[in-house]
Amino acid sequence: MRRRVPGFPRAATTAAAACLALLPTGCAQVDTTSPSAARGRAAAGAPARFGTVDCREAKCIALTFDAGPSEHSARLLDILKEKKVPATFFLLGKRHIEKYPELVKRMAAEGHEVAGHTWDHRILTRMTDAQIREELKRPDDAIERLTGHRPTLMRPPQGRTDTNVHRIAEEEGLAEVLWSVTAKDYTTTDSALITQRVLAQASRDGIILLHDIYRGTVPAVPGIIDALKARGYVFVTVPQLLAPGKAEPGKVYRP
C-alpha cells in the first residue's frame, strides 16, 4: 500500500498531485533565483570552486530527498556512499527526525546537506505567523542538536510558499529550495517508472525531487545515478550547486 506523507489527508494528496503536475511551486507563482544566477551574483574574489566541484564549468545536478528519514533511508545512504554521490535531505520532524536520530547524524557525517521540511508537513501558506515559525524552527532545532550544524535551507511542503513565508524564512535565516525534476514517486511503486521520469526531465543545474519514504524510490536511485553519470552529470548538494554564490535567507531557489 502506498504510504502517505504525514499531514496529507487523502483529498489533499490528490490535489497536491494534480497541482504539482502543473507547477513545481505547488500552483503558486513566486519569484525564484536559478543556480546560475546565484553563482553569477557571487562576490568578486570568491573561491572558484566549492569543495571539489565548480558548477560554472561542470555539468552539475542536485539529488534531493524529502520527508525522511524513514526505514528506507539507511539503504539509500549505503547506495550514495557506494556511488560517491552527495545529496540534500529535507527532513520532517514528527515521526521522522524524532524516530531516526541516528540516521540524521549519519547523513551529516557522510557529507550530505541536511535541512528541514517542517515539523509536521503542514501547508505554510494556510498558517499564522507563529505557526509557520514553529514548523520551521522545531526540525532545525532537532537537526542542530543532532549534527551540531543549523540548517540554512528549507523546502516548503508541496512547494507552497508566498511573501509571508519568505519573510519568516528570512527572519529564521533560511532560503527556500524548490525543484525542476519530479518523479511523482508518491503515485507509484514502480522503480523503473520513477527512473524513467527523472531521466526524461534531467538537465544541467537541475534539482531532482524524490522521497525516501516510498517503497519504490530507493531501488530506483542506483539506476538514476548511473544513467546521469553516463550523460556527464556531476552530483552535488544544493549549496555546491549555488557556489561560489550562497543561498540568501528569504530567497527561493529553483532552476
Protein backbone atom coordinates (compact mmCIF):
# COMPACT_ATOMS: atom_id res chain seq x y z
CA MET A 1 0.00 0.00 0.00
CA ARG A 2 1.32 3.45 -0.89
CA ARG A 3 2.26 5.41 2.20
CA ARG A 4 1.01 8.95 2.52
CA VAL A 5 3.22 11.77 3.73
CA PRO A 6 2.31 12.65 7.34
CA GLY A 7 -0.09 15.58 7.44
CA PHE A 8 -1.54 14.78 3.99
CA PRO A 9 -5.21 13.87 4.11
CA ARG A 10 -6.16 11.71 1.13
CA ALA A 11 -8.02 14.53 -0.61
CA ALA A 12 -5.08 16.87 -0.15
CA THR A 13 -2.71 14.27 -1.56
CA THR A 14 -4.81 14.05 -4.70
CA ALA A 15 -4.99 17.82 -5.01
CA ALA A 16 -1.26 18.12 -4.46
CA ALA A 17 -0.54 15.58 -7.15
CA ALA A 18 -2.68 17.49 -9.63
CA CYS A 19 -1.08 20.75 -8.57
CA LEU A 20 2.50 19.52 -8.80
CA ALA A 21 1.79 18.05 -12.20
CA LEU A 22 1.35 21.62 -13.39
CA LEU A 23 3.94 23.59 -11.48
CA PRO A 24 6.84 22.59 -9.23
CA THR A 25 5.91 25.52 -7.00
CA GLY A 26 2.67 23.86 -5.93
CA CYS A 27 0.39 26.12 -8.01
CA ALA A 28 1.95 29.29 -6.65
CA GLN A 29 3.77 31.78 -8.88
CA VAL A 30 6.75 33.13 -6.96
CA ASP A 31 9.95 34.95 -7.83
CA THR A 32 12.80 32.45 -7.91
CA THR A 33 16.56 32.57 -8.38
CA SER A 34 18.25 29.98 -10.58
CA PRO A 35 21.51 28.29 -9.57
CA SER A 36 23.34 30.01 -12.43
CA ALA A 37 22.05 33.39 -11.27
CA ALA A 38 23.17 32.63 -7.72
CA ARG A 39 26.63 31.77 -9.00
CA GLY A 40 26.70 34.95 -11.05
CA ARG A 41 25.93 37.07 -8.00
CA ALA A 42 28.94 35.76 -6.08
CA ALA A 43 31.16 38.48 -4.67
CA ALA A 44 34.33 39.36 -6.53
CA GLY A 45 37.21 37.29 -5.27
CA ALA A 46 35.01 34.34 -4.26
CA PRO A 47 36.78 30.97 -4.49
CA ALA A 48 36.49 29.30 -7.88
CA ARG A 49 35.11 26.05 -6.52
CA PHE A 50 33.15 24.74 -3.57
CA GLY A 51 34.82 21.57 -2.38
CA THR A 52 35.97 19.65 -5.45
CA VAL A 53 33.35 20.86 -7.95
CA ASP A 54 32.95 24.10 -9.88
CA CYS A 55 29.41 24.11 -11.30
CA ARG A 56 30.24 27.06 -13.53
CA GLU A 57 32.24 24.55 -15.54
CA ALA A 58 30.88 21.13 -14.59
CA LYS A 59 27.51 19.77 -15.70
CA CYS A 60 26.02 19.67 -12.20
CA ILE A 61 22.76 18.25 -10.89
CA ALA A 62 21.45 18.00 -7.32
CA LEU A 63 19.71 14.96 -5.88
CA THR A 64 17.30 15.86 -3.06
CA PHE A 65 15.07 13.74 -0.83
CA ASP A 66 12.03 14.94 1.11
CA ALA A 67 10.07 13.78 4.13
CA GLY A 68 12.52 11.32 5.72
CA PRO A 69 14.27 9.79 7.46
CA SER A 70 12.43 6.51 7.16
CA GLU A 71 13.02 2.78 7.27
CA HIS A 72 14.38 3.07 3.71
CA SER A 73 16.97 5.76 4.44
CA ALA A 74 19.78 3.51 5.68
CA ARG A 75 19.77 1.62 2.38
CA LEU A 76 19.71 4.92 0.50
CA LEU A 77 22.75 6.14 2.42
CA ASP A 78 24.54 2.89 1.61
CA ILE A 79 23.86 3.47 -2.10
CA LEU A 80 25.01 7.09 -2.01
CA LYS A 81 28.19 6.09 -0.19
CA GLU A 82 28.91 3.31 -2.68
CA LYS A 83 28.29 5.63 -5.66
CA LYS A 84 30.18 8.53 -4.03
CA VAL A 85 27.20 10.85 -4.52
CA PRO A 86 26.27 13.66 -2.11
CA ALA A 87 22.61 14.55 -1.64
CA THR A 88 20.47 17.11 0.13
CA PHE A 89 17.91 15.84 2.63
CA PHE A 90 14.87 17.91 3.63
CA LEU A 91 13.69 16.19 6.79
CA LEU A 92 10.40 16.07 8.63
CA GLY A 93 10.41 16.29 12.40
CA LYS A 94 7.40 14.42 13.71
CA ARG A 95 7.70 10.64 13.32
CA HIS A 96 10.92 11.05 11.32
CA ILE A 97 13.78 13.02 12.90
CA GLU A 98 12.44 12.05 16.30
CA LYS A 99 12.20 8.37 15.28
CA TYR A 100 15.52 8.04 13.40
CA PRO A 101 18.03 10.37 15.07
CA GLU A 102 20.98 8.13 14.23
CA LEU A 103 20.18 8.39 10.52
CA VAL A 104 20.17 12.20 10.76
CA LYS A 105 23.62 12.05 12.35
CA ARG A 106 24.80 9.67 9.65
CA MET A 107 23.55 11.92 6.84
CA ALA A 108 25.59 14.82 8.15
CA ALA A 109 28.64 12.70 8.98
CA GLU A 110 28.75 11.29 5.44
CA GLY A 111 28.81 14.74 3.84
CA HIS A 112 25.19 15.25 2.85
CA GLU A 113 23.38 18.55 3.31
CA VAL A 114 20.69 18.24 6.00
CA ALA A 115 17.81 20.71 6.12
CA GLY A 116 14.19 20.98 7.23
CA HIS A 117 10.89 20.19 5.53
CA THR A 118 8.83 21.46 8.51
CA TRP A 119 7.86 19.53 11.61
CA ASP A 120 4.54 18.04 10.54
CA HIS A 121 4.20 18.73 6.78
CA ARG A 122 1.51 21.35 7.23
CA ILE A 123 0.89 23.83 4.41
CA LEU A 124 2.68 27.00 5.45
CA THR A 125 0.57 29.39 3.38
CA ARG A 126 -2.50 28.42 5.43
CA MET A 127 -0.93 29.10 8.83
CA THR A 128 -0.43 32.01 11.19
CA ASP A 129 3.00 33.62 11.54
CA ALA A 130 3.54 31.90 14.88
CA GLN A 131 2.61 28.52 13.44
CA ILE A 132 4.91 28.96 10.43
CA ARG A 133 7.78 29.89 12.71
CA GLU A 134 7.16 26.83 14.87
CA GLU A 135 7.01 24.50 11.85
CA LEU A 136 10.37 25.82 10.65
CA LYS A 137 12.17 26.06 13.99
CA ARG A 138 11.35 22.68 15.52
CA PRO A 139 13.05 20.46 12.93
CA ASP A 140 16.00 22.83 12.69
CA ASP A 141 16.44 22.79 16.46
CA ALA A 142 16.43 18.99 16.38
CA ILE A 143 18.87 18.82 13.45
CA GLU A 144 21.23 21.24 15.18
CA ARG A 145 21.16 19.18 18.39
CA LEU A 146 21.96 16.01 16.46
CA THR A 147 24.55 17.30 13.98
CA GLY A 148 25.99 20.45 15.54
CA HIS A 149 25.03 22.47 12.45
CA ARG A 150 21.94 24.61 11.99
CA PRO A 151 20.27 24.32 8.59
CA THR A 152 20.34 27.27 6.21
CA LEU A 153 17.88 25.75 3.70
CA MET A 154 14.30 24.57 3.86
CA ARG A 155 11.72 23.15 1.48
CA PRO A 156 8.07 24.15 1.98
CA PRO A 157 5.57 21.27 1.87
CA GLN A 158 4.08 20.82 -1.63
CA GLY A 159 6.31 23.72 -2.71
CA ARG A 160 3.62 26.10 -1.45
CA THR A 161 5.05 29.43 -0.44
CA ASP A 162 4.28 33.15 -0.54
CA THR A 163 5.72 36.50 0.52
CA ASN A 164 4.76 35.91 4.14
CA VAL A 165 6.60 32.59 4.21
CA HIS A 166 9.60 34.28 2.55
CA ARG A 167 9.63 36.95 5.26
CA ILE A 168 9.56 34.47 8.12
CA ALA A 169 12.12 32.23 6.44
CA GLU A 170 14.41 35.23 6.11
CA GLU A 171 13.99 36.02 9.80
CA GLU A 172 14.91 32.40 10.59
CA GLY A 173 17.99 32.54 8.34
CA LEU A 174 16.54 30.12 5.79
CA ALA A 175 16.48 30.03 1.99
CA GLU A 176 13.72 28.05 0.25
CA VAL A 177 14.65 25.37 -2.28
CA LEU A 178 12.16 24.11 -4.87
CA TRP A 179 12.90 21.72 -7.75
CA SER A 180 12.89 21.20 -11.50
CA VAL A 181 12.53 17.41 -11.70
CA THR A 182 9.79 15.39 -10.01
CA ALA A 183 9.27 11.66 -10.42
CA LYS A 184 5.90 11.88 -8.64
CA ASP A 185 7.07 8.88 -6.64
CA TYR A 186 4.11 9.38 -4.34
CA THR A 187 1.93 7.99 -7.15
CA THR A 188 3.75 4.73 -7.95
CA THR A 189 5.87 1.92 -6.53
CA ASP A 190 7.31 1.18 -9.99
CA SER A 191 11.03 1.89 -9.68
CA ALA A 192 11.58 1.68 -13.42
CA LEU A 193 8.91 4.33 -13.99
CA ILE A 194 10.46 6.58 -11.35
CA THR A 195 13.82 6.25 -13.08
CA GLN A 196 12.28 6.98 -16.47
CA ARG A 197 10.54 10.11 -15.20
CA VAL A 198 13.73 11.51 -13.66
CA LEU A 199 15.86 10.84 -16.73
CA ALA A 200 13.28 12.43 -19.03
CA GLN A 201 13.38 15.71 -17.10
CA ALA A 202 17.04 15.95 -16.08
CA SER A 203 19.05 18.94 -17.28
CA ARG A 204 22.09 20.92 -16.22
CA ASP A 205 21.65 22.71 -12.86
CA GLY A 206 18.58 20.56 -12.20
CA ILE A 207 17.24 19.85 -8.73
CA ILE A 208 15.68 16.39 -8.51
CA LEU A 209 12.87 15.82 -6.02
CA LEU A 210 12.46 12.30 -4.61
CA HIS A 211 11.08 10.90 -1.35
CA ASP A 212 12.92 8.24 0.63
CA ILE A 213 9.71 7.32 2.44
CA TYR A 214 8.19 5.47 -0.53
CA ARG A 215 8.92 1.82 -1.27
CA GLY A 216 9.68 2.24 -4.97
CA THR A 217 12.04 5.19 -4.70
CA VAL A 218 15.27 3.93 -3.16
CA PRO A 219 15.56 0.95 -5.57
CA ALA A 220 15.41 3.47 -8.44
CA VAL A 221 18.35 5.54 -7.18
CA PRO A 222 21.29 3.39 -8.45
CA GLY A 223 19.92 3.40 -11.99
CA ILE A 224 19.26 7.15 -11.88
CA ILE A 225 22.80 7.83 -10.68
CA ASP A 226 24.46 5.53 -13.20
CA ALA A 227 22.45 6.86 -16.15
CA LEU A 228 23.07 10.51 -15.31
CA LYS A 229 26.78 9.94 -14.70
CA ALA A 230 26.91 8.31 -18.13
CA ARG A 231 25.46 11.52 -19.56
CA GLY A 232 28.26 13.51 -17.97
CA TYR A 233 26.47 14.85 -14.90
CA VAL A 234 28.26 15.55 -11.62
CA PHE A 235 26.15 15.18 -8.48
CA VAL A 236 26.35 17.97 -5.91
CA THR A 237 24.49 19.24 -2.87
CA VAL A 238 22.29 22.32 -3.24
CA PRO A 239 24.94 24.61 -1.65
CA GLN A 240 27.52 23.22 -4.10
CA LEU A 241 25.12 23.88 -6.98
CA LEU A 242 24.89 27.56 -6.00
CA ALA A 243 28.60 28.07 -5.23
CA PRO A 244 30.52 30.31 -5.25
CA GLY A 245 27.23 32.06 -4.58
CA LYS A 246 25.45 31.38 -1.31
CA ALA A 247 21.79 30.78 -0.55
CA GLU A 248 20.32 34.01 0.80
CA PRO A 249 17.71 33.82 3.58
CA GLY A 250 14.24 34.67 2.30
CA LYS A 251 15.09 33.87 -1.33
CA VAL A 252 13.57 30.98 -3.30
CA TYR A 253 15.86 28.85 -5.47
CA ARG A 254 14.74 26.80 -8.45
CA PRO A 255 16.31 26.06 -11.85
